[in-house]
Every structure is written in structure tokens, then in C-alpha cells.
Amino acid sequence: MSKRTLRAFVTALVVSLSGTVLADVELTFEELPEPVRKTAVAEVKAGKIVEIERDLENGATVYEIEFVLDDVKYELDIAPDGTLLRRHRD
């Protein structure tokens, strides 16, 4: 195996493994980046957060926050900079 082939293989392996590590990781509220926490508080209001995950969507990190408000379950998708990407009933 040439050095170039080996280097390409190792690079692909590292990229693959790093994506695996980042995807579908459960987090606590305190582990969220500050901008994500601020958006979550503004959106959840009096609801109760039931699950928080960090996921990869199309190669980008997204924080998924499931919460219940008035017996209805919702999910927020929030970018690391705090931008609300999506809010929907779950």
C-alpha cells in the first residue's frame, strides 16, 4: 500500500469515527453551548425538557431538544450558534 493510499484511508477512517462520536449523543442542559441554552429557554417556556441530543445532519452539528408543553410533545432543532432551525410537534 502506498503512503498516499494509506494516508487517504486513515483520513477517511478518522472522519468516519469523528462523525460517529458526535452523532446521537445524549446531553444534559448544562452541557449545551450557551447560545443553544438561551434559545431553548425562550422556546420551551413553561414546558418540561425530556431529552437532549447532539446529532449530525448533513455534516452539521444540530442540538435536538424534546419537550412537553400542555401535554403536547415538541422537538426543537437548534444550531450551535443558537439559531432555531425547526420547531415541530413530535
PDB file of N, CA and C in Angstrom:
ATOM      1  N   MET A   1       0.853  -1.171   0.000  1.00  0.00           N
ATOM      2  CA  MET A   1       0.000   0.000   0.000  1.00  0.00           C
ATOM      3  C   MET A   1       0.896   1.231   0.000  1.00  0.00           C
ATOM      4  N   SER A   2       0.626   2.153  -0.886  1.00  0.00           N
ATOM      5  CA  SER A   2       1.441   3.367  -0.975  1.00  0.00           C
ATOM      6  C   SER A   2       1.131   4.299   0.195  1.00  0.00           C
ATOM      7  N   LYS A   3       2.044   5.230   0.441  1.00  0.00           N
ATOM      8  CA  LYS A   3       1.833   6.211   1.515  1.00  0.00           C
ATOM      9  C   LYS A   3       0.591   7.050   1.249  1.00  0.00           C
ATOM     10  N   ARG A   4       0.382   7.392  -0.017  1.00  0.00           N
ATOM     11  CA  ARG A   4      -0.782   8.210  -0.378  1.00  0.00           C
ATOM     12  C   ARG A   4      -2.081   7.456  -0.106  1.00  0.00           C
ATOM     13  N   THR A   5      -2.135   6.190  -0.462  1.00  0.00           N
ATOM     14  CA  THR A   5      -3.318   5.362  -0.223  1.00  0.00           C
ATOM     15  C   THR A   5      -3.551   5.190   1.272  1.00  0.00           C
ATOM     16  N   LEU A   6      -2.484   4.928   2.009  1.00  0.00           N
ATOM     17  CA  LEU A   6      -2.595   4.765   3.456  1.00  0.00           C
ATOM     18  C   LEU A   6      -3.084   6.046   4.105  1.00  0.00           C
ATOM     19  N   ARG A   7      -2.534   7.186   3.692  1.00  0.00           N
ATOM     20  CA  ARG A   7      -2.950   8.482   4.243  1.00  0.00           C
ATOM     21  C   ARG A   7      -4.430   8.736   3.959  1.00  0.00           C
ATOM     22  N   ALA A   8      -4.876   8.440   2.744  1.00  0.00           N
ATOM     23  CA  ALA A   8      -6.290   8.627   2.389  1.00  0.00           C
ATOM     24  C   ALA A   8      -7.186   7.719   3.228  1.00  0.00           C
ATOM     25  N   PHE A   9      -6.748   6.484   3.439  1.00  0.00           N
ATOM     26  CA  PHE A   9      -7.516   5.542   4.258  1.00  0.00           C
ATOM     27  C   PHE A   9      -7.623   6.033   5.697  1.00  0.00           C
ATOM     28  N   VAL A  10      -6.516   6.464   6.275  1.00  0.00           N
ATOM     29  CA  VAL A  10      -6.507   6.946   7.661  1.00  0.00           C
ATOM     30  C   VAL A  10      -7.376   8.195   7.794  1.00  0.00           C
ATOM     31  N   THR A  11      -7.284   9.099   6.841  1.00  0.00           N
ATOM     32  CA  THR A  11      -8.112  10.311   6.872  1.00  0.00           C
ATOM     33  C   THR A  11      -9.590   9.958   6.826  1.00  0.00           C
ATOM     34  N   ALA A  12      -9.964   9.052   5.936  1.00  0.00           N
ATOM     35  CA  ALA A  12     -11.367   8.629   5.838  1.00  0.00           C
ATOM     36  C   ALA A  12     -11.827   7.966   7.125  1.00  0.00           C
ATOM     37  N   LEU A  13     -10.971   7.165   7.732  1.00  0.00           N
ATOM     38  CA  LEU A  13     -11.315   6.490   8.979  1.00  0.00           C
ATOM     39  C   LEU A  13     -11.529   7.496  10.108  1.00  0.00           C
ATOM     40  N   VAL A  14     -10.645   8.475  10.219  1.00  0.00           N
ATOM     41  CA  VAL A  14     -10.769   9.492  11.273  1.00  0.00           C
ATOM     42  C   VAL A  14     -12.040  10.301  11.087  1.00  0.00           C
ATOM     43  N   VAL A  15     -12.327  10.703   9.858  1.00  0.00           N
ATOM     44  CA  VAL A  15     -13.555  11.457   9.586  1.00  0.00           C
ATOM     45  C   VAL A  15     -14.768  10.614   9.926  1.00  0.00           C
ATOM     46  N   SER A  16     -14.759   9.363   9.552  1.00  0.00           N
ATOM     47  CA  SER A  16     -15.874   8.466   9.843  1.00  0.00           C
ATOM     48  C   SER A  16     -16.076   8.297  11.339  1.00  0.00           C
ATOM     49  N   LEU A  17     -15.009   8.069  12.064  1.00  0.00           N
ATOM     50  CA  LEU A  17     -15.111   7.869  13.508  1.00  0.00           C
ATOM     51  C   LEU A  17     -15.522   9.148  14.223  1.00  0.00           C
ATOM     52  N   SER A  18     -15.022  10.291  13.781  1.00  0.00           N
ATOM     53  CA  SER A  18     -15.394  11.536  14.450  1.00  0.00           C
ATOM     54  C   SER A  18     -16.873  11.819  14.268  1.00  0.00           C
ATOM     55  N   GLY A  19     -17.441  11.486  13.121  1.00  0.00           N
ATOM     56  CA  GLY A  19     -18.874  11.637  12.911  1.00  0.00           C
ATOM     57  C   GLY A  19     -19.665  10.727  13.817  1.00  0.00           C
ATOM     58  N   THR A  20     -19.170   9.525  14.035  1.00  0.00           N
ATOM     59  CA  THR A  20     -19.839   8.571  14.916  1.00  0.00           C
ATOM     60  C   THR A  20     -19.845   9.083  16.350  1.00  0.00           C
ATOM     61  N   VAL A  21     -18.756   9.664  16.764  1.00  0.00           N
ATOM     62  CA  VAL A  21     -18.647  10.161  18.139  1.00  0.00           C
ATOM     63  C   VAL A  21     -19.602  11.330  18.367  1.00  0.00           C
ATOM     64  N   LEU A  22     -19.782  12.180  17.372  1.00  0.00           N
ATOM     65  CA  LEU A  22     -20.616  13.366  17.536  1.00  0.00           C
ATOM     66  C   LEU A  22     -22.108  13.088  17.392  1.00  0.00           C
ATOM     67  N   ALA A  23     -22.475  12.035  16.689  1.00  0.00           N
ATOM     68  CA  ALA A  23     -23.877  11.783  16.378  1.00  0.00           C
ATOM     69  C   ALA A  23     -24.601  11.104  17.535  1.00  0.00           C
ATOM     70  N   ASP A  24     -25.844  11.508  17.726  1.00  0.00           N
ATOM     71  CA  ASP A  24     -26.736  10.888  18.700  1.00  0.00           C
ATOM     72  C   ASP A  24     -26.131  10.764  20.095  1.00  0.00           C
ATOM     73  N   VAL A  25     -25.590  11.855  20.598  1.00  0.00           N
ATOM     74  CA  VAL A  25     -25.017  11.881  21.940  1.00  0.00           C
ATOM     75  C   VAL A  25     -26.014  12.573  22.858  1.00  0.00           C
ATOM     76  N   GLU A  26     -26.425  11.871  23.922  1.00  0.00           N
ATOM     77  CA  GLU A  26     -27.334  12.491  24.886  1.00  0.00           C
ATOM     78  C   GLU A  26     -26.553  13.446  25.775  1.00  0.00           C
ATOM     79  N   LEU A  27     -27.153  14.596  26.060  1.00  0.00           N
ATOM     80  CA  LEU A  27     -26.516  15.640  26.857  1.00  0.00           C
ATOM     81  C   LEU A  27     -27.437  16.105  27.968  1.00  0.00           C
ATOM     82  N   THR A  28     -26.854  16.772  28.947  1.00  0.00           N
ATOM     83  CA  THR A  28     -27.643  17.479  29.948  1.00  0.00           C
ATOM     84  C   THR A  28     -27.788  18.930  29.493  1.00  0.00           C
ATOM     85  N   PHE A  29     -28.700  19.638  30.097  1.00  0.00           N
ATOM     86  CA  PHE A  29     -28.916  21.039  29.747  1.00  0.00           C
ATOM     87  C   PHE A  29     -27.639  21.847  29.965  1.00  0.00           C
ATOM     88  N   GLU A  30     -26.924  21.551  31.031  1.00  0.00           N
ATOM     89  CA  GLU A  30     -25.707  22.281  31.373  1.00  0.00           C
ATOM     90  C   GLU A  30     -24.594  22.059  30.351  1.00  0.00           C
ATOM     91  N   GLU A  31     -24.636  20.952  29.617  1.00  0.00           N
ATOM     92  CA  GLU A  31     -23.615  20.650  28.615  1.00  0.00           C
ATOM     93  C   GLU A  31     -23.844  21.363  27.282  1.00  0.00           C
ATOM     94  N   LEU A  32     -25.003  21.981  27.115  1.00  0.00           N
ATOM     95  CA  LEU A  32     -25.297  22.693  25.875  1.00  0.00           C
ATOM     96  C   LEU A  32     -24.484  23.978  25.791  1.00  0.00           C
ATOM     97  N   PRO A  33     -24.098  24.381  24.579  1.00  0.00           N
ATOM     98  CA  PRO A  33     -23.457  25.685  24.416  1.00  0.00           C
ATOM     99  C   PRO A  33     -24.423  26.792  24.860  1.00  0.00           C
ATOM    100  N   GLU A  34     -23.888  27.859  25.396  1.00  0.00           N
ATOM    101  CA  GLU A  34     -24.709  28.958  25.924  1.00  0.00           C
ATOM    102  C   GLU A  34     -25.747  29.468  24.914  1.00  0.00           C
ATOM    103  N   PRO A  35     -25.400  29.707  23.638  1.00  0.00           N
ATOM    104  CA  PRO A  35     -26.431  30.179  22.691  1.00  0.00           C
ATOM    105  C   PRO A  35     -27.584  29.186  22.521  1.00  0.00           C
ATOM    106  N   VAL A  36     -27.286  27.897  22.572  1.00  0.00           N
ATOM    107  CA  VAL A  36     -28.327  26.867  22.442  1.00  0.00           C
ATOM    108  C   VAL A  36     -29.226  26.883  23.670  1.00  0.00           C
ATOM    109  N   ARG A  37     -28.625  27.034  24.856  1.00  0.00           N
ATOM    110  CA  ARG A  37     -29.424  27.112  26.093  1.00  0.00           C
ATOM    111  C   ARG A  37     -30.388  28.295  26.049  1.00  0.00           C
ATOM    112  N   LYS A  38     -29.903  29.448  25.604  1.00  0.00           N
ATOM    113  CA  LYS A  38     -30.756  30.652  25.553  1.00  0.00           C
ATOM    114  C   LYS A  38     -31.950  30.437  24.623  1.00  0.00           C
ATOM    115  N   THR A  39     -31.713  29.858  23.464  1.00  0.00           N
ATOM    116  CA  THR A  39     -32.806  29.595  22.530  1.00  0.00           C
ATOM    117  C   THR A  39     -33.781  28.574  23.115  1.00  0.00           C
ATOM    118  N   ALA A  40     -33.255  27.536  23.747  1.00  0.00           N
ATOM    119  CA  ALA A  40     -34.109  26.504  24.344  1.00  0.00           C
ATOM    120  C   ALA A  40     -35.011  27.111  25.412  1.00  0.00           C
ATOM    121  N   VAL A  41     -34.462  27.930  26.291  1.00  0.00           N
ATOM    122  CA  VAL A  41     -35.260  28.559  27.354  1.00  0.00           C
ATOM    123  C   VAL A  41     -36.366  29.423  26.744  1.00  0.00           C
ATOM    124  N   ALA A  42     -36.028  30.184  25.709  1.00  0.00           N
ATOM    125  CA  ALA A  42     -37.022  31.057  25.066  1.00  0.00           C
ATOM    126  C   ALA A  42     -38.132  30.260  24.391  1.00  0.00           C
ATOM    127  N   GLU A  43     -37.815  29.096  23.840  1.00  0.00           N
ATOM    128  CA  GLU A  43     -38.797  28.288  23.123  1.00  0.00           C
ATOM    129  C   GLU A  43     -39.608  27.363  24.024  1.00  0.00           C
ATOM    130  N   VAL A  44     -38.959  26.778  25.024  1.00  0.00           N
ATOM    131  CA  VAL A  44     -39.626  25.799  25.887  1.00  0.00           C
ATOM    132  C   VAL A  44     -40.590  26.480  26.846  1.00  0.00           C
ATOM    133  N   LYS A  45     -40.259  27.665  27.287  1.00  0.00           N
ATOM    134  CA  LYS A  45     -41.074  28.451  28.231  1.00  0.00           C
ATOM    135  C   LYS A  45     -41.415  27.622  29.470  1.00  0.00           C
ATOM    136  N   ALA A  46     -42.685  27.327  29.697  1.00  0.00           N
ATOM    137  CA  ALA A  46     -43.110  26.593  30.898  1.00  0.00           C
ATOM    138  C   ALA A  46     -43.130  25.079  30.663  1.00  0.00           C
ATOM    139  N   GLY A  47     -42.659  24.639  29.498  1.00  0.00           N
ATOM    140  CA  GLY A  47     -42.645  23.210  29.205  1.00  0.00           C
ATOM    141  C   GLY A  47     -41.552  22.490  29.985  1.00  0.00           C
ATOM    142  N   LYS A  48     -41.545  21.157  29.856  1.00  0.00           N
ATOM    143  CA  LYS A  48     -40.552  20.339  30.543  1.00  0.00           C
ATOM    144  C   LYS A  48     -39.702  19.611  29.506  1.00  0.00           C
ATOM    145  N   ILE A  49     -38.388  19.827  29.562  1.00  0.00           N
ATOM    146  CA  ILE A  49     -37.471  19.143  28.657  1.00  0.00           C
ATOM    147  C   ILE A  49     -37.374  17.687  29.074  1.00  0.00           C
ATOM    148  N   VAL A  50     -37.536  16.778  28.089  1.00  0.00           N
ATOM    149  CA  VAL A  50     -37.485  15.348  28.394  1.00  0.00           C
ATOM    150  C   VAL A  50     -36.282  14.651  27.765  1.00  0.00           C
ATOM    151  N   GLU A  51     -35.671  15.255  26.731  1.00  0.00           N
ATOM    152  CA  GLU A  51     -34.493  14.650  26.111  1.00  0.00           C
ATOM    153  C   GLU A  51     -33.710  15.700  25.334  1.00  0.00           C
ATOM    154  N   ILE A  52     -32.376  15.585  25.417  1.00  0.00           N
ATOM    155  CA  ILE A  52     -31.486  16.471  24.677  1.00  0.00           C
ATOM    156  C   ILE A  52     -30.442  15.597  23.993  1.00  0.00           C
ATOM    157  N   GLU A  53     -30.243  15.818  22.682  1.00  0.00           N
ATOM    158  CA  GLU A  53     -29.232  15.077  21.929  1.00  0.00           C
ATOM    159  C   GLU A  53     -28.452  16.019  21.028  1.00  0.00           C
ATOM    160  N   ARG A  54     -27.188  15.683  20.825  1.00  0.00           N
ATOM    161  CA  ARG A  54     -26.387  16.337  19.791  1.00  0.00           C
ATOM    162  C   ARG A  54     -26.325  15.348  18.635  1.00  0.00           C
ATOM    163  N   ASP A  55     -26.608  15.826  17.434  1.00  0.00           N
ATOM    164  CA  ASP A  55     -26.654  14.952  16.266  1.00  0.00           C
ATOM    165  C   ASP A  55     -25.951  15.634  15.105  1.00  0.00           C
ATOM    166  N   LEU A  56     -25.670  14.869  14.075  1.00  0.00           N
ATOM    167  CA  LEU A  56     -25.131  15.394  12.826  1.00  0.00           C
ATOM    168  C   LEU A  56     -26.193  15.270  11.753  1.00  0.00           C
ATOM    169  N   GLU A  57     -26.464  16.370  11.071  1.00  0.00           N
ATOM    170  CA  GLU A  57     -27.389  16.359   9.945  1.00  0.00           C
ATOM    171  C   GLU A  57     -26.684  17.010   8.775  1.00  0.00           C
ATOM    172  N   ASN A  58     -26.473  16.226   7.730  1.00  0.00           N
ATOM    173  CA  ASN A  58     -25.745  16.705   6.547  1.00  0.00           C
ATOM    174  C   ASN A  58     -24.373  17.262   6.926  1.00  0.00           C
ATOM    175  N   GLY A  59     -23.723  16.617   7.880  1.00  0.00           N
ATOM    176  CA  GLY A  59     -22.385  17.007   8.301  1.00  0.00           C
ATOM    177  C   GLY A  59     -22.330  18.159   9.288  1.00  0.00           C
ATOM    178  N   ALA A  60     -23.478  18.712   9.665  1.00  0.00           N
ATOM    179  CA  ALA A  60     -23.516  19.848  10.595  1.00  0.00           C
ATOM    180  C   ALA A  60     -24.076  19.411  11.944  1.00  0.00           C
ATOM    181  N   THR A  61     -23.514  19.950  13.015  1.00  0.00           N
ATOM    182  CA  THR A  61     -23.996  19.655  14.361  1.00  0.00           C
ATOM    183  C   THR A  61     -25.340  20.333  14.591  1.00  0.00           C
ATOM    184  N   VAL A  62     -26.276  19.564  15.135  1.00  0.00           N
ATOM    185  CA  VAL A  62     -27.602  20.078  15.480  1.00  0.00           C
ATOM    186  C   VAL A  62     -27.943  19.557  16.875  1.00  0.00           C
ATOM    187  N   TYR A  63     -28.492  20.434  17.710  1.00  0.00           N
ATOM    188  CA  TYR A  63     -28.956  20.031  19.036  1.00  0.00           C
ATOM    189  C   TYR A  63     -30.457  19.825  18.955  1.00  0.00           C
ATOM    190  N   GLU A  64     -30.901  18.616  19.331  1.00  0.00           N
ATOM    191  CA  GLU A  64     -32.320  18.272  19.293  1.00  0.00           C
ATOM    192  C   GLU A  64     -32.835  18.234  20.723  1.00  0.00           C
ATOM    193  N   ILE A  65     -33.839  19.041  20.994  1.00  0.00           N
ATOM    194  CA  ILE A  65     -34.394  19.134  22.335  1.00  0.00           C
ATOM    195  C   ILE A  65     -35.866  18.771  22.275  1.00  0.00           C
ATOM    196  N   GLU A  66     -36.221  17.691  22.967  1.00  0.00           N
ATOM    197  CA  GLU A  66     -37.624  17.286  23.057  1.00  0.00           C
ATOM    198  C   GLU A  66     -38.187  17.821  24.364  1.00  0.00           C
ATOM    199  N   PHE A  67     -39.397  18.373  24.282  1.00  0.00           N
ATOM    200  CA  PHE A  67     -40.042  18.879  25.491  1.00  0.00           C
ATOM    201  C   PHE A  67     -41.544  18.690  25.394  1.00  0.00           C
ATOM    202  N   VAL A  68     -42.189  18.750  26.565  1.00  0.00           N
ATOM    203  CA  VAL A  68     -43.640  18.607  26.659  1.00  0.00           C
ATOM    204  C   VAL A  68     -44.210  19.902  27.211  1.00  0.00           C
ATOM    205  N   LEU A  69     -45.236  20.409  26.538  1.00  0.00           N
ATOM    206  CA  LEU A  69     -45.933  21.621  26.970  1.00  0.00           C
ATOM    207  C   LEU A  69     -47.420  21.376  26.788  1.00  0.00           C
ATOM    208  N   ASP A  70     -48.186  21.511  27.851  1.00  0.00           N
ATOM    209  CA  ASP A  70     -49.643  21.294  27.813  1.00  0.00           C
ATOM    210  C   ASP A  70     -49.981  19.923  27.216  1.00  0.00           C
ATOM    211  N   ASP A  71     -49.274  18.900  27.669  1.00  0.00           N
ATOM    212  CA  ASP A  71     -49.469  17.508  27.243  1.00  0.00           C
ATOM    213  C   ASP A  71     -49.197  17.259  25.758  1.00  0.00           C
ATOM    214  N   VAL A  72     -48.485  18.169  25.108  1.00  0.00           N
ATOM    215  CA  VAL A  72     -48.103  18.006  23.703  1.00  0.00           C
ATOM    216  C   VAL A  72     -46.585  17.947  23.642  1.00  0.00           C
ATOM    217  N   LYS A  73     -46.066  16.957  22.907  1.00  0.00           N
ATOM    218  CA  LYS A  73     -44.619  16.784  22.787  1.00  0.00           C
ATOM    219  C   LYS A  73     -44.114  17.527  21.552  1.00  0.00           C
ATOM    220  N   TYR A  74     -43.034  18.289  21.741  1.00  0.00           N
ATOM    221  CA  TYR A  74     -42.424  19.063  20.669  1.00  0.00           C
ATOM    222  C   TYR A  74     -40.943  18.710  20.563  1.00  0.00           C
ATOM    223  N   GLU A  75     -40.364  19.044  19.407  1.00  0.00           N
ATOM    224  CA  GLU A  75     -38.925  18.919  19.240  1.00  0.00           C
ATOM    225  C   GLU A  75     -38.384  20.193  18.620  1.00  0.00           C
ATOM    226  N   LEU A  76     -37.277  20.660  19.168  1.00  0.00           N
ATOM    227  CA  LEU A  76     -36.555  21.800  18.622  1.00  0.00           C
ATOM    228  C   LEU A  76     -35.271  21.299  17.990  1.00  0.00           C
ATOM    229  N   ASP A  77     -34.905  21.848  16.863  1.00  0.00           N
ATOM    230  CA  ASP A  77     -33.591  21.633  16.266  1.00  0.00           C
ATOM    231  C   ASP A  77     -32.893  22.983  16.305  1.00  0.00           C
ATOM    232  N   ILE A  78     -31.733  23.029  16.985  1.00  0.00           N
ATOM    233  CA  ILE A  78     -31.033  24.293  17.209  1.00  0.00           C
ATOM    234  C   ILE A  78     -29.589  24.150  16.752  1.00  0.00           C
ATOM    235  N   ALA A  79     -29.097  25.132  15.999  1.00  0.00           N
ATOM    236  CA  ALA A  79     -27.706  25.171  15.558  1.00  0.00           C
ATOM    237  C   ALA A  79     -26.812  25.571  16.734  1.00  0.00           C
ATOM    238  N   PRO A  80     -25.529  25.259  16.664  1.00  0.00           N
ATOM    239  CA  PRO A  80     -24.608  25.612  17.755  1.00  0.00           C
ATOM    240  C   PRO A  80     -24.566  27.104  18.084  1.00  0.00           C
ATOM    241  N   ASP A  81     -24.893  27.964  17.102  1.00  0.00           N
ATOM    242  CA  ASP A  81     -24.884  29.411  17.366  1.00  0.00           C
ATOM    243  C   ASP A  81     -26.194  29.903  17.970  1.00  0.00           C
ATOM    244  N   GLY A  82     -27.129  28.976  18.242  1.00  0.00           N
ATOM    245  CA  GLY A  82     -28.403  29.338  18.858  1.00  0.00           C
ATOM    246  C   GLY A  82     -29.540  29.564  17.875  1.00  0.00           C
ATOM    247  N   THR A  83     -29.272  29.466  16.593  1.00  0.00           N
ATOM    248  CA  THR A  83     -30.317  29.663  15.586  1.00  0.00           C
ATOM    249  C   THR A  83     -31.328  28.509  15.648  1.00  0.00           C
ATOM    250  N   LEU A  84     -32.609  28.859  15.784  1.00  0.00           N
ATOM    251  CA  LEU A  84     -33.664  27.850  15.765  1.00  0.00           C
ATOM    252  C   LEU A  84     -33.865  27.399  14.323  1.00  0.00           C
ATOM    253  N   LEU A  85     -33.574  26.131  14.066  1.00  0.00           N
ATOM    254  CA  LEU A  85     -33.691  25.589  12.726  1.00  0.00           C
ATOM    255  C   LEU A  85     -35.077  25.040  12.445  1.00  0.00           C
ATOM    256  N   ARG A  86     -35.702  24.489  13.494  1.00  0.00           N
ATOM    257  CA  ARG A  86     -37.017  23.873  13.300  1.00  0.00           C
ATOM    258  C   ARG A  86     -37.687  23.654  14.659  1.00  0.00           C
ATOM    259  N   ARG A  87     -38.982  23.838  14.711  1.00  0.00           N
ATOM    260  CA  ARG A  87     -39.808  23.513  15.878  1.00  0.00           C
ATOM    261  C   ARG A  87     -41.020  22.776  15.326  1.00  0.00           C
ATOM    262  N   HIS A  88     -41.255  21.574  15.867  1.00  0.00           N
ATOM    263  CA  HIS A  88     -42.396  20.826  15.362  1.00  0.00           C
ATOM    264  C   HIS A  88     -42.946  19.912  16.460  1.00  0.00           C
ATOM    265  N   ARG A  89     -44.204  19.519  16.251  1.00  0.00           N
ATOM    266  CA  ARG A  89     -44.796  18.519  17.149  1.00  0.00           C
ATOM    267  C   ARG A  89     -44.132  17.201  16.882  1.00  0.00           C
ATOM    268  N   ASP A  90     -43.890  16.469  17.936  1.00  0.00           N
ATOM    269  CA  ASP A  90     -43.214  15.184  17.795  1.00  0.00           C
ATOM    270  C   ASP A  90     -44.208  14.049  17.866  1.00  0.00           C
TER     271      ASP A  90
END
